[in-house]
Amino acid sequence: ITCKNPRCVTSIEAVPHVFHLADDEGRYRCEYCDN
C-alpha cells in the first residue's frame, strides 16, 4: 500500500511504506503519519 498523504515522510524520502491493520473492515494506518 502507498500512503496518499503528501506530508508523509514516504512521499519525500526513500523509506518503506509500512501499514498496520486498523480495524476488521480492511482499513490500514500508515506507520509514519497515521493516515
PDB file of all heavy atoms in Angstrom:
ATOM      1  N   ILE A   1       0.867  -1.176   0.000  1.00  0.00           N
ATOM      2  CA  ILE A   1       0.000   0.000   0.000  1.00  0.00           C
ATOM      3  C   ILE A   1       0.906   1.230   0.000  1.00  0.00           C
ATOM      4  O   ILE A   1       1.968   1.222   0.620  1.00  0.00           O
ATOM      5  CB  ILE A   1      -0.888   0.028   1.269  1.00  0.00           C
ATOM      6  CG1 ILE A   1      -1.753  -1.212   1.357  1.00  0.00           C
ATOM      7  CG2 ILE A   1      -1.760   1.273   1.293  1.00  0.00           C
ATOM      8  CD1 ILE A   1      -2.535  -1.308   2.659  1.00  0.00           C
ATOM      9  N   THR A   2       0.474   2.269  -0.692  1.00  0.00           N
ATOM     10  CA  THR A   2       1.231   3.522  -0.659  1.00  0.00           C
ATOM     11  C   THR A   2       0.420   4.592   0.051  1.00  0.00           C
ATOM     12  O   THR A   2      -0.800   4.648  -0.081  1.00  0.00           O
ATOM     13  CB  THR A   2       1.590   4.011  -2.075  1.00  0.00           C
ATOM     14  OG1 THR A   2       0.399   4.121  -2.845  1.00  0.00           O
ATOM     15  CG2 THR A   2       2.551   3.062  -2.754  1.00  0.00           C
ATOM     16  N   CYS A   3       1.103   5.426   0.809  1.00  0.00           N
ATOM     17  CA  CYS A   3       0.441   6.491   1.556  1.00  0.00           C
ATOM     18  C   CYS A   3       0.113   7.645   0.612  1.00  0.00           C
ATOM     19  O   CYS A   3       0.963   8.085  -0.163  1.00  0.00           O
ATOM     20  CB  CYS A   3       1.322   6.977   2.708  1.00  0.00           C
ATOM     21  SG  CYS A   3       0.453   8.112   3.805  1.00  0.00           S
ATOM     22  N   LYS A   4      -1.104   8.130   0.692  1.00  0.00           N
ATOM     23  CA  LYS A   4      -1.570   9.214  -0.175  1.00  0.00           C
ATOM     24  C   LYS A   4      -1.373  10.591   0.457  1.00  0.00           C
ATOM     25  O   LYS A   4      -1.624  11.600  -0.167  1.00  0.00           O
ATOM     26  CB  LYS A   4      -3.063   9.022  -0.490  1.00  0.00           C
ATOM     27  CG  LYS A   4      -3.412   7.669  -1.077  1.00  0.00           C
ATOM     28  CD  LYS A   4      -3.031   7.576  -2.523  1.00  0.00           C
ATOM     29  CE  LYS A   4      -3.633   6.367  -3.164  1.00  0.00           C
ATOM     30  NZ  LYS A   4      -2.714   5.330  -3.478  1.00  0.00           N
ATOM     31  N   ASN A   5      -0.925  10.627   1.710  1.00  0.00           N
ATOM     32  CA  ASN A   5      -0.737  11.895   2.414  1.00  0.00           C
ATOM     33  C   ASN A   5       0.510  12.597   1.853  1.00  0.00           C
ATOM     34  O   ASN A   5       1.624  12.090   1.994  1.00  0.00           O
ATOM     35  CB  ASN A   5      -0.573  11.640   3.916  1.00  0.00           C
ATOM     36  CG  ASN A   5      -0.394  12.903   4.720  1.00  0.00           C
ATOM     37  OD1 ASN A   5      -0.335  14.012   4.187  1.00  0.00           O
ATOM     38  ND2 ASN A   5      -0.314  12.733   6.025  1.00  0.00           N
ATOM     39  N   PRO A   6       0.366  13.791   1.238  1.00  0.00           N
ATOM     40  CA  PRO A   6       1.523  14.472   0.660  1.00  0.00           C
ATOM     41  C   PRO A   6       2.542  14.936   1.707  1.00  0.00           C
ATOM     42  O   PRO A   6       3.698  15.182   1.378  1.00  0.00           O
ATOM     43  CB  PRO A   6       0.923  15.668  -0.072  1.00  0.00           C
ATOM     44  CG  PRO A   6      -0.430  15.851   0.497  1.00  0.00           C
ATOM     45  CD  PRO A   6      -0.879  14.518   1.026  1.00  0.00           C
ATOM     46  N   ARG A   7       2.139  15.011   2.965  1.00  0.00           N
ATOM     47  CA  ARG A   7       3.050  15.434   4.029  1.00  0.00           C
ATOM     48  C   ARG A   7       3.762  14.247   4.701  1.00  0.00           C
ATOM     49  O   ARG A   7       4.592  14.450   5.570  1.00  0.00           O
ATOM     50  CB  ARG A   7       2.296  16.219   5.081  1.00  0.00           C
ATOM     51  CG  ARG A   7       1.818  17.541   4.551  1.00  0.00           C
ATOM     52  CD  ARG A   7       1.246  18.359   5.667  1.00  0.00           C
ATOM     53  NE  ARG A   7       0.091  19.070   5.139  1.00  0.00           N
ATOM     54  CZ  ARG A   7      -0.766  19.700   5.857  1.00  0.00           C
ATOM     55  NH1 ARG A   7      -0.657  19.722   7.160  1.00  0.00           N
ATOM     56  NH2 ARG A   7      -1.779  20.324   5.292  1.00  0.00           N
ATOM     57  N   CYS A   8       3.416  13.051   4.302  1.00  0.00           N
ATOM     58  CA  CYS A   8       4.042  11.849   4.894  1.00  0.00           C
ATOM     59  C   CYS A   8       5.494  11.752   4.447  1.00  0.00           C
ATOM     60  O   CYS A   8       5.841  12.110   3.312  1.00  0.00           O
ATOM     61  CB  CYS A   8       3.270  10.601   4.467  1.00  0.00           C
ATOM     62  SG  CYS A   8       3.921   9.092   5.208  1.00  0.00           S
ATOM     63  N   VAL A   9       6.330  11.258   5.334  1.00  0.00           N
ATOM     64  CA  VAL A   9       7.753  11.104   5.039  1.00  0.00           C
ATOM     65  C   VAL A   9       7.976  10.187   3.835  1.00  0.00           C
ATOM     66  O   VAL A   9       8.959  10.342   3.111  1.00  0.00           O
ATOM     67  CB  VAL A   9       8.521  10.602   6.288  1.00  0.00           C
ATOM     68  CG1 VAL A   9       8.112   9.180   6.637  1.00  0.00           C
ATOM     69  CG2 VAL A   9      10.015  10.716   6.088  1.00  0.00           C
ATOM     70  N   THR A  10       7.041   9.268   3.570  1.00  0.00           N
ATOM     71  CA  THR A  10       7.198   8.349   2.437  1.00  0.00           C
ATOM     72  C   THR A  10       7.104   9.059   1.093  1.00  0.00           C
ATOM     73  O   THR A  10       7.559   8.526   0.087  1.00  0.00           O
ATOM     74  CB  THR A  10       6.147   7.219   2.487  1.00  0.00           C
ATOM     75  OG1 THR A  10       4.844   7.804   2.436  1.00  0.00           O
ATOM     76  CG2 THR A  10       6.306   6.378   3.734  1.00  0.00           C
ATOM     77  N   SER A  11       6.504  10.246   1.070  1.00  0.00           N
ATOM     78  CA  SER A  11       6.376  10.967  -0.199  1.00  0.00           C
ATOM     79  C   SER A  11       7.630  11.772  -0.535  1.00  0.00           C
ATOM     80  O   SER A  11       7.795  12.224  -1.661  1.00  0.00           O
ATOM     81  CB  SER A  11       5.148  11.876  -0.185  1.00  0.00           C
ATOM     82  OG  SER A  11       5.306  12.899   0.773  1.00  0.00           O
ATOM     83  N   ILE A  12       8.530  11.964   0.442  1.00  0.00           N
ATOM     84  CA  ILE A  12       9.734  12.754   0.173  1.00  0.00           C
ATOM     85  C   ILE A  12      11.037  11.994   0.414  1.00  0.00           C
ATOM     86  O   ILE A  12      12.082  12.407  -0.058  1.00  0.00           O
ATOM     87  CB  ILE A  12       9.737  14.064   1.001  1.00  0.00           C
ATOM     88  CG1 ILE A  12       9.523  13.790   2.485  1.00  0.00           C
ATOM     89  CG2 ILE A  12       8.705  15.030   0.478  1.00  0.00           C
ATOM     90  CD1 ILE A  12       9.627  15.009   3.372  1.00  0.00           C
ATOM     91  N   GLU A  13      10.980  10.896   1.136  1.00  0.00           N
ATOM     92  CA  GLU A  13      12.178  10.105   1.407  1.00  0.00           C
ATOM     93  C   GLU A  13      11.978   8.664   0.942  1.00  0.00           C
ATOM     94  O   GLU A  13      10.864   8.177   0.863  1.00  0.00           O
ATOM     95  CB  GLU A  13      12.502  10.116   2.904  1.00  0.00           C
ATOM     96  CG  GLU A  13      12.957  11.466   3.410  1.00  0.00           C
ATOM     97  CD  GLU A  13      13.417  11.418   4.848  1.00  0.00           C
ATOM     98  OE1 GLU A  13      13.892  10.349   5.294  1.00  0.00           O
ATOM     99  OE2 GLU A  13      13.295  12.444   5.522  1.00  0.00           O
ATOM    100  N   ALA A  14      13.071   8.002   0.674  1.00  0.00           N
ATOM    101  CA  ALA A  14      13.020   6.607   0.226  1.00  0.00           C
ATOM    102  C   ALA A  14      12.978   5.680   1.442  1.00  0.00           C
ATOM    103  O   ALA A  14      13.967   5.049   1.796  1.00  0.00           O
ATOM    104  CB  ALA A  14      14.215   6.289  -0.645  1.00  0.00           C
ATOM    105  N   VAL A  15      11.830   5.636   2.073  1.00  0.00           N
ATOM    106  CA  VAL A  15      11.616   4.734   3.212  1.00  0.00           C
ATOM    107  C   VAL A  15      10.512   3.754   2.831  1.00  0.00           C
ATOM    108  O   VAL A  15       9.675   4.051   1.986  1.00  0.00           O
ATOM    109  CB  VAL A  15      11.232   5.511   4.505  1.00  0.00           C
ATOM    110  CG1 VAL A  15      12.377   6.382   4.963  1.00  0.00           C
ATOM    111  CG2 VAL A  15       9.980   6.320   4.309  1.00  0.00           C
ATOM    112  N   PRO A  16      10.492   2.580   3.437  1.00  0.00           N
ATOM    113  CA  PRO A  16       9.443   1.600   3.091  1.00  0.00           C
ATOM    114  C   PRO A  16       8.062   2.094   3.516  1.00  0.00           C
ATOM    115  O   PRO A  16       7.920   2.785   4.523  1.00  0.00           O
ATOM    116  CB  PRO A  16       9.838   0.355   3.873  1.00  0.00           C
ATOM    117  CG  PRO A  16      10.851   0.778   4.861  1.00  0.00           C
ATOM    118  CD  PRO A  16      11.428   2.074   4.420  1.00  0.00           C
ATOM    119  N   HIS A  17       7.081   1.761   2.734  1.00  0.00           N
ATOM    120  CA  HIS A  17       5.686   2.076   3.052  1.00  0.00           C
ATOM    121  C   HIS A  17       5.185   0.963   3.967  1.00  0.00           C
ATOM    122  O   HIS A  17       4.965  -0.158   3.519  1.00  0.00           O
ATOM    123  CB  HIS A  17       4.840   2.140   1.784  1.00  0.00           C
ATOM    124  CG  HIS A  17       5.184   3.289   0.899  1.00  0.00           C
ATOM    125  ND1 HIS A  17       4.461   4.441   0.899  1.00  0.00           N
ATOM    126  CD2 HIS A  17       6.194   3.461   0.004  1.00  0.00           C
ATOM    127  CE1 HIS A  17       4.985   5.291   0.026  1.00  0.00           C
ATOM    128  NE2 HIS A  17       6.043   4.714  -0.525  1.00  0.00           N
ATOM    129  N   VAL A  18       5.004   1.269   5.237  1.00  0.00           N
ATOM    130  CA  VAL A  18       4.581   0.277   6.219  1.00  0.00           C
ATOM    131  C   VAL A  18       3.209   0.665   6.752  1.00  0.00           C
ATOM    132  O   VAL A  18       2.997   1.799   7.180  1.00  0.00           O
ATOM    133  CB  VAL A  18       5.595   0.173   7.386  1.00  0.00           C
ATOM    134  CG1 VAL A  18       5.140  -0.871   8.394  1.00  0.00           C
ATOM    135  CG2 VAL A  18       6.984  -0.151   6.860  1.00  0.00           C
ATOM    136  N   PHE A  19       2.292  -0.291   6.726  1.00  0.00           N
ATOM    137  CA  PHE A  19       0.933  -0.063   7.208  1.00  0.00           C
ATOM    138  C   PHE A  19       0.540  -1.162   8.185  1.00  0.00           C
ATOM    139  O   PHE A  19       0.935  -2.316   8.021  1.00  0.00           O
ATOM    140  CB  PHE A  19      -0.055  -0.041   6.036  1.00  0.00           C
ATOM    141  CG  PHE A  19      -0.020   1.243   5.254  1.00  0.00           C
ATOM    142  CD1 PHE A  19       0.949   1.461   4.295  1.00  0.00           C
ATOM    143  CD2 PHE A  19      -0.952   2.233   5.494  1.00  0.00           C
ATOM    144  CE1 PHE A  19       0.989   2.639   3.582  1.00  0.00           C
ATOM    145  CE2 PHE A  19      -0.925   3.422   4.789  1.00  0.00           C
ATOM    146  CZ  PHE A  19       0.056   3.625   3.828  1.00  0.00           C
ATOM    147  N   HIS A  20      -0.277  -0.781   9.169  1.00  0.00           N
ATOM    148  CA  HIS A  20      -0.784  -1.705  10.180  1.00  0.00           C
ATOM    149  C   HIS A  20      -2.301  -1.751  10.090  1.00  0.00           C
ATOM    150  O   HIS A  20      -2.950  -0.711   9.895  1.00  0.00           O
ATOM    151  CB  HIS A  20      -0.361  -1.257  11.584  1.00  0.00           C
ATOM    152  CG  HIS A  20       1.120  -1.203  11.751  1.00  0.00           C
ATOM    153  ND1 HIS A  20       1.853  -2.312  12.114  1.00  0.00           N
ATOM    154  CD2 HIS A  20       2.012  -0.199  11.571  1.00  0.00           C
ATOM    155  CE1 HIS A  20       3.131  -1.978  12.163  1.00  0.00           C
ATOM    156  NE2 HIS A  20       3.249  -0.699  11.841  1.00  0.00           N
ATOM    157  N   LEU A  21      -2.855  -2.938  10.248  1.00  0.00           N
ATOM    158  CA  LEU A  21      -4.306  -3.105  10.208  1.00  0.00           C
ATOM    159  C   LEU A  21      -4.947  -2.304  11.324  1.00  0.00           C
ATOM    160  O   LEU A  21      -4.585  -2.432  12.493  1.00  0.00           O
ATOM    161  CB  LEU A  21      -4.662  -4.590  10.353  1.00  0.00           C
ATOM    162  CG  LEU A  21      -6.134  -4.959  10.218  1.00  0.00           C
ATOM    163  CD1 LEU A  21      -6.667  -4.599   8.830  1.00  0.00           C
ATOM    164  CD2 LEU A  21      -6.321  -6.448  10.482  1.00  0.00           C
ATOM    165  N   ALA A  22      -5.901  -1.449  10.965  1.00  0.00           N
ATOM    166  CA  ALA A  22      -6.546  -0.573  11.942  1.00  0.00           C
ATOM    167  C   ALA A  22      -7.877  -1.126  12.437  1.00  0.00           C
ATOM    168  O   ALA A  22      -8.294  -0.825  13.556  1.00  0.00           O
ATOM    169  CB  ALA A  22      -6.759   0.817  11.340  1.00  0.00           C
ATOM    170  N   ASP A  23      -8.565  -1.923  11.608  1.00  0.00           N
ATOM    171  CA  ASP A  23      -9.865  -2.470  12.012  1.00  0.00           C
ATOM    172  C   ASP A  23     -10.201  -3.707  11.181  1.00  0.00           C
ATOM    173  O   ASP A  23      -9.437  -4.100  10.305  1.00  0.00           O
ATOM    174  CB  ASP A  23     -10.967  -1.408  11.889  1.00  0.00           C
ATOM    175  CG  ASP A  23     -11.133  -0.884  10.472  1.00  0.00           C
ATOM    176  OD1 ASP A  23     -10.827  -1.603   9.503  1.00  0.00           O
ATOM    177  OD2 ASP A  23     -11.575   0.268  10.316  1.00  0.00           O
ATOM    178  N   ASP A  24     -11.350  -4.298  11.454  1.00  0.00           N
ATOM    179  CA  ASP A  24     -11.777  -5.514  10.747  1.00  0.00           C
ATOM    180  C   ASP A  24     -12.364  -5.232   9.366  1.00  0.00           C
ATOM    181  O   ASP A  24     -12.740  -6.163   8.657  1.00  0.00           O
ATOM    182  CB  ASP A  24     -12.817  -6.269  11.584  1.00  0.00           C
ATOM    183  CG  ASP A  24     -12.216  -6.843  12.854  1.00  0.00           C
ATOM    184  OD1 ASP A  24     -10.979  -6.980  12.906  1.00  0.00           O
ATOM    185  OD2 ASP A  24     -12.978  -7.147  13.785  1.00  0.00           O
ATOM    186  N   GLU A  25     -12.465  -3.965   9.004  1.00  0.00           N
ATOM    187  CA  GLU A  25     -13.043  -3.577   7.714  1.00  0.00           C
ATOM    188  C   GLU A  25     -11.988  -3.474   6.613  1.00  0.00           C
ATOM    189  O   GLU A  25     -12.313  -3.149   5.486  1.00  0.00           O
ATOM    190  CB  GLU A  25     -13.756  -2.226   7.855  1.00  0.00           C
ATOM    191  CG  GLU A  25     -14.848  -2.217   8.902  1.00  0.00           C
ATOM    192  CD  GLU A  25     -16.031  -3.065   8.500  1.00  0.00           C
ATOM    193  OE1 GLU A  25     -16.441  -2.994   7.317  1.00  0.00           O
ATOM    194  OE2 GLU A  25     -16.542  -3.787   9.361  1.00  0.00           O
ATOM    195  N   GLY A  26     -10.723  -3.699   6.950  1.00  0.00           N
ATOM    196  CA  GLY A  26      -9.661  -3.617   5.957  1.00  0.00           C
ATOM    197  C   GLY A  26      -9.065  -2.235   5.813  1.00  0.00           C
ATOM    198  O   GLY A  26      -8.510  -1.900   4.768  1.00  0.00           O
ATOM    199  N   ARG A  27      -9.147  -1.442   6.854  1.00  0.00           N
ATOM    200  CA  ARG A  27      -8.506  -0.132   6.826  1.00  0.00           C
ATOM    201  C   ARG A  27      -7.130  -0.262   7.480  1.00  0.00           C
ATOM    202  O   ARG A  27      -6.988  -0.911   8.511  1.00  0.00           O
ATOM    203  CB  ARG A  27      -9.357   0.913   7.550  1.00  0.00           C
ATOM    204  CG  ARG A  27     -10.574   1.321   6.728  1.00  0.00           C
ATOM    205  CD  ARG A  27     -11.297   2.489   7.370  1.00  0.00           C
ATOM    206  NE  ARG A  27     -12.239   2.055   8.379  1.00  0.00           N
ATOM    207  CZ  ARG A  27     -13.506   1.728   8.138  1.00  0.00           C
ATOM    208  NH1 ARG A  27     -13.978   1.786   6.921  1.00  0.00           N
ATOM    209  NH2 ARG A  27     -14.289   1.356   9.111  1.00  0.00           N
ATOM    210  N   TYR A  28      -6.147   0.397   6.860  1.00  0.00           N
ATOM    211  CA  TYR A  28      -4.771   0.328   7.332  1.00  0.00           C
ATOM    212  C   TYR A  28      -4.265   1.723   7.691  1.00  0.00           C
ATOM    213  O   TYR A  28      -4.598   2.698   7.034  1.00  0.00           O
ATOM    214  CB  TYR A  28      -3.867  -0.297   6.255  1.00  0.00           C
ATOM    215  CG  TYR A  28      -4.051  -1.791   6.182  1.00  0.00           C
ATOM    216  CD1 TYR A  28      -5.085  -2.359   5.463  1.00  0.00           C
ATOM    217  CD2 TYR A  28      -3.192  -2.635   6.873  1.00  0.00           C
ATOM    218  CE1 TYR A  28      -5.263  -3.735   5.417  1.00  0.00           C
ATOM    219  CE2 TYR A  28      -3.355  -4.007   6.832  1.00  0.00           C
ATOM    220  CZ  TYR A  28      -4.394  -4.546   6.107  1.00  0.00           C
ATOM    221  OH  TYR A  28      -4.568  -5.903   6.079  1.00  0.00           O
ATOM    222  N   ARG A  29      -3.433   1.778   8.741  1.00  0.00           N
ATOM    223  CA  ARG A  29      -2.868   3.023   9.244  1.00  0.00           C
ATOM    224  C   ARG A  29      -1.396   3.091   8.866  1.00  0.00           C
ATOM    225  O   ARG A  29      -0.630   2.159   9.114  1.00  0.00           O
ATOM    226  CB  ARG A  29      -3.021   3.083  10.768  1.00  0.00           C
ATOM    227  CG  ARG A  29      -2.441   4.316  11.427  1.00  0.00           C
ATOM    228  CD  ARG A  29      -2.524   4.231  12.941  1.00  0.00           C
ATOM    229  NE  ARG A  29      -2.097   2.943  13.499  1.00  0.00           N
ATOM    230  CZ  ARG A  29      -0.826   2.559  13.645  1.00  0.00           C
ATOM    231  NH1 ARG A  29       0.148   3.337  13.293  1.00  0.00           N
ATOM    232  NH2 ARG A  29      -0.542   1.374  14.165  1.00  0.00           N
ATOM    233  N   CYS A  30      -0.990   4.214   8.268  1.00  0.00           N
ATOM    234  CA  CYS A  30       0.408   4.435   7.908  1.00  0.00           C
ATOM    235  C   CYS A  30       1.238   4.506   9.187  1.00  0.00           C
ATOM    236  O   CYS A  30       0.874   5.186  10.143  1.00  0.00           O
ATOM    237  CB  CYS A  30       0.555   5.721   7.109  1.00  0.00           C
ATOM    238  SG  CYS A  30       2.267   6.149   6.719  1.00  0.00           S
ATOM    239  N   GLU A  31       2.366   3.827   9.200  1.00  0.00           N
ATOM    240  CA  GLU A  31       3.225   3.797  10.373  1.00  0.00           C
ATOM    241  C   GLU A  31       3.839   5.162  10.690  1.00  0.00           C
ATOM    242  O   GLU A  31       4.163   5.454  11.837  1.00  0.00           O
ATOM    243  CB  GLU A  31       4.339   2.765  10.155  1.00  0.00           C
ATOM    244  CG  GLU A  31       5.248   2.579  11.342  1.00  0.00           C
ATOM    245  CD  GLU A  31       6.154   1.383  11.183  1.00  0.00           C
ATOM    246  OE1 GLU A  31       5.740   0.272  11.575  1.00  0.00           O
ATOM    247  OE2 GLU A  31       7.270   1.560  10.652  1.00  0.00           O
ATOM    248  N   TYR A  32       3.960   6.017   9.699  1.00  0.00           N
ATOM    249  CA  TYR A  32       4.646   7.293   9.882  1.00  0.00           C
ATOM    250  C   TYR A  32       3.705   8.464  10.183  1.00  0.00           C
ATOM    251  O   TYR A  32       4.015   9.299  11.017  1.00  0.00           O
ATOM    252  CB  TYR A  32       5.484   7.620   8.647  1.00  0.00           C
ATOM    253  CG  TYR A  32       6.430   6.506   8.283  1.00  0.00           C
ATOM    254  CD1 TYR A  32       6.137   5.641   7.230  1.00  0.00           C
ATOM    255  CD2 TYR A  32       7.594   6.285   9.003  1.00  0.00           C
ATOM    256  CE1 TYR A  32       6.996   4.612   6.903  1.00  0.00           C
ATOM    257  CE2 TYR A  32       8.449   5.255   8.688  1.00  0.00           C
ATOM    258  CZ  TYR A  32       8.149   4.414   7.628  1.00  0.00           C
ATOM    259  OH  TYR A  32       8.991   3.385   7.312  1.00  0.00           O
ATOM    260  N   CYS A  33       2.584   8.538   9.474  1.00  0.00           N
ATOM    261  CA  CYS A  33       1.727   9.721   9.616  1.00  0.00           C
ATOM    262  C   CYS A  33       0.324   9.406  10.136  1.00  0.00           C
ATOM    263  O   CYS A  33      -0.489  10.306  10.296  1.00  0.00           O
ATOM    264  CB  CYS A  33       1.616  10.461   8.287  1.00  0.00           C
ATOM    265  SG  CYS A  33       0.657   9.587   7.031  1.00  0.00           S
ATOM    266  N   ASP A  34       0.025   8.135  10.370  1.00  0.00           N
ATOM    267  CA  ASP A  34      -1.274   7.679  10.860  1.00  0.00           C
ATOM    268  C   ASP A  34      -2.426   7.879   9.874  1.00  0.00           C
ATOM    269  O   ASP A  34      -3.594   7.777  10.246  1.00  0.00           O
ATOM    270  CB  ASP A  34      -1.629   8.335  12.203  1.00  0.00           C
ATOM    271  CG  ASP A  34      -0.740   7.847  13.326  1.00  0.00           C
ATOM    272  OD1 ASP A  34      -0.277   6.689  13.245  1.00  0.00           O
ATOM    273  OD2 ASP A  34      -0.505   8.610  14.273  1.00  0.00           O
ATOM    274  N   ASN A  35      -2.111   8.171   8.619  1.00  0.00           N
ATOM    275  CA  ASN A  35      -3.138   8.287   7.589  1.00  0.00           C
ATOM    276  C   ASN A  35      -3.818   6.922   7.403  1.00  0.00           C
ATOM    277  O   ASN A  35      -3.160   5.887   7.424  1.00  0.00           O
ATOM    278  CB  ASN A  35      -2.519   8.739   6.272  1.00  0.00           C
ATOM    279  CG  ASN A  35      -3.538   9.024   5.204  1.00  0.00           C
ATOM    280  OD1 ASN A  35      -4.558   9.647   5.463  1.00  0.00           O
ATOM    281  ND2 ASN A  35      -3.267   8.570   4.000  1.00  0.00           N
TER     282      ASN A  35
END
